[in-house]
């Protein structure tokens, strides 16, 4: 089992090394595929925008479980 590798690892590609690379991936996803990846806690959003994002996510995916790790 020591050489076992998850097949999804090769399909997903490399993980971003830092937040700047992650932001570039988000921009590319939006530009090329129309996919929006945004956290409701993003400081660039106003309160109404954060609530709107949260409402859309809950409509599509249901209530989010609260994390007790913070």
C-alpha atoms as a PDB file:
ATOM      1  CA  UNK A   1       0.000   0.000   0.000  1.00  0.00           C
ATOM      2  CA  UNK A   2       2.967   2.349   0.267  1.00  0.00           C
ATOM      3  CA  UNK A   3       2.781   3.340  -3.433  1.00  0.00           C
ATOM      4  CA  UNK A   4      -0.965   3.994  -3.375  1.00  0.00           C
ATOM      5  CA  UNK A   5      -2.003   7.272  -4.986  1.00  0.00           C
ATOM      6  CA  UNK A   6      -5.446   8.729  -5.291  1.00  0.00           C
ATOM      7  CA  UNK A   7      -6.484   8.932  -8.974  1.00  0.00           C
ATOM      8  CA  UNK A   8      -8.155  12.277  -8.302  1.00  0.00           C
ATOM      9  CA  UNK A   9      -4.805  13.801  -7.391  1.00  0.00           C
ATOM     10  CA  UNK A  10      -3.557  13.666 -10.960  1.00  0.00           C
ATOM     11  CA  UNK A  11      -6.864  14.856 -12.398  1.00  0.00           C
ATOM     12  CA  UNK A  12      -7.109  17.876 -10.116  1.00  0.00           C
ATOM     13  CA  UNK A  13      -3.670  19.250 -10.920  1.00  0.00           C
ATOM     14  CA  UNK A  14      -1.368  21.102  -8.565  1.00  0.00           C
ATOM     15  CA  UNK A  15      -2.671  23.000  -5.563  1.00  0.00           C
ATOM     16  CA  UNK A  16      -1.993  26.723  -5.433  1.00  0.00           C
ATOM     17  CA  UNK A  17       1.084  27.629  -3.408  1.00  0.00           C
ATOM     18  CA  UNK A  18      -0.331  30.814  -1.905  1.00  0.00           C
ATOM     19  CA  UNK A  19      -3.359  33.110  -1.830  1.00  0.00           C
ATOM     20  CA  UNK A  20      -2.152  35.034  -4.906  1.00  0.00           C
ATOM     21  CA  UNK A  21      -2.118  31.843  -6.995  1.00  0.00           C
ATOM     22  CA  UNK A  22      -5.549  30.920  -5.638  1.00  0.00           C
ATOM     23  CA  UNK A  23      -6.902  34.303  -6.715  1.00  0.00           C
ATOM     24  CA  UNK A  24      -5.445  33.801 -10.205  1.00  0.00           C
ATOM     25  CA  UNK A  25      -7.179  30.412 -10.403  1.00  0.00           C
ATOM     26  CA  UNK A  26     -10.486  32.009  -9.383  1.00  0.00           C
ATOM     27  CA  UNK A  27     -10.101  34.684 -12.058  1.00  0.00           C
ATOM     28  CA  UNK A  28      -9.307  32.100 -14.719  1.00  0.00           C
ATOM     29  CA  UNK A  29     -12.304  29.954 -13.710  1.00  0.00           C
ATOM     30  CA  UNK A  30     -14.581  32.964 -14.044  1.00  0.00           C
ATOM     31  CA  UNK A  31     -13.076  34.121 -17.352  1.00  0.00           C
ATOM     32  CA  UNK A  32     -12.950  30.711 -19.023  1.00  0.00           C
ATOM     33  CA  UNK A  33     -15.894  28.812 -17.524  1.00  0.00           C
ATOM     34  CA  UNK A  34     -18.171  31.373 -15.880  1.00  0.00           C
ATOM     35  CA  UNK A  35     -17.586  29.722 -12.502  1.00  0.00           C
ATOM     36  CA  UNK A  36     -17.674  31.997  -9.467  1.00  0.00           C
ATOM     37  CA  UNK A  37     -15.787  30.942  -6.350  1.00  0.00           C
ATOM     38  CA  UNK A  38     -16.374  33.405  -3.535  1.00  0.00           C
ATOM     39  CA  UNK A  39     -16.574  33.110   0.237  1.00  0.00           C
ATOM     40  CA  UNK A  40     -19.384  34.994   1.965  1.00  0.00           C
ATOM     41  CA  UNK A  41     -16.721  36.307   4.344  1.00  0.00           C
ATOM     42  CA  UNK A  42     -14.717  37.970   1.531  1.00  0.00           C
ATOM     43  CA  UNK A  43     -13.836  41.460   2.799  1.00  0.00           C
ATOM     44  CA  UNK A  44     -14.318  42.957  -0.674  1.00  0.00           C
ATOM     45  CA  UNK A  45     -18.076  42.309  -0.460  1.00  0.00           C
ATOM     46  CA  UNK A  46     -20.580  44.573   1.242  1.00  0.00           C
ATOM     47  CA  UNK A  47     -22.955  43.115   3.822  1.00  0.00           C
ATOM     48  CA  UNK A  48     -25.882  42.851   1.341  1.00  0.00           C
ATOM     49  CA  UNK A  49     -23.606  41.125  -1.195  1.00  0.00           C
ATOM     50  CA  UNK A  50     -22.430  38.633   1.450  1.00  0.00           C
ATOM     51  CA  UNK A  51     -26.028  37.853   2.368  1.00  0.00           C
ATOM     52  CA  UNK A  52     -26.961  37.420  -1.296  1.00  0.00           C
ATOM     53  CA  UNK A  53     -24.098  34.955  -1.852  1.00  0.00           C
ATOM     54  CA  UNK A  54     -25.160  33.053   1.265  1.00  0.00           C
ATOM     55  CA  UNK A  55     -28.796  32.915   0.104  1.00  0.00           C
ATOM     56  CA  UNK A  56     -27.822  31.572  -3.323  1.00  0.00           C
ATOM     57  CA  UNK A  57     -25.578  28.912  -1.782  1.00  0.00           C
ATOM     58  CA  UNK A  58     -28.289  27.821   0.646  1.00  0.00           C
ATOM     59  CA  UNK A  59     -30.854  27.633  -2.133  1.00  0.00           C
ATOM     60  CA  UNK A  60     -28.590  25.453  -4.267  1.00  0.00           C
ATOM     61  CA  UNK A  61     -26.852  23.366  -1.611  1.00  0.00           C
ATOM     62  CA  UNK A  62     -28.810  23.691   1.650  1.00  0.00           C
ATOM     63  CA  UNK A  63     -27.855  25.014   5.051  1.00  0.00           C
ATOM     64  CA  UNK A  64     -24.164  25.058   5.905  1.00  0.00           C
ATOM     65  CA  UNK A  65     -23.040  23.312   9.077  1.00  0.00           C
ATOM     66  CA  UNK A  66     -21.412  25.749  11.467  1.00  0.00           C
ATOM     67  CA  UNK A  67     -17.754  25.072  12.152  1.00  0.00           C
ATOM     68  CA  UNK A  68     -16.780  24.903  15.822  1.00  0.00           C
ATOM     69  CA  UNK A  69     -13.071  24.965  15.048  1.00  0.00           C
ATOM     70  CA  UNK A  70     -12.558  28.740  15.287  1.00  0.00           C
END
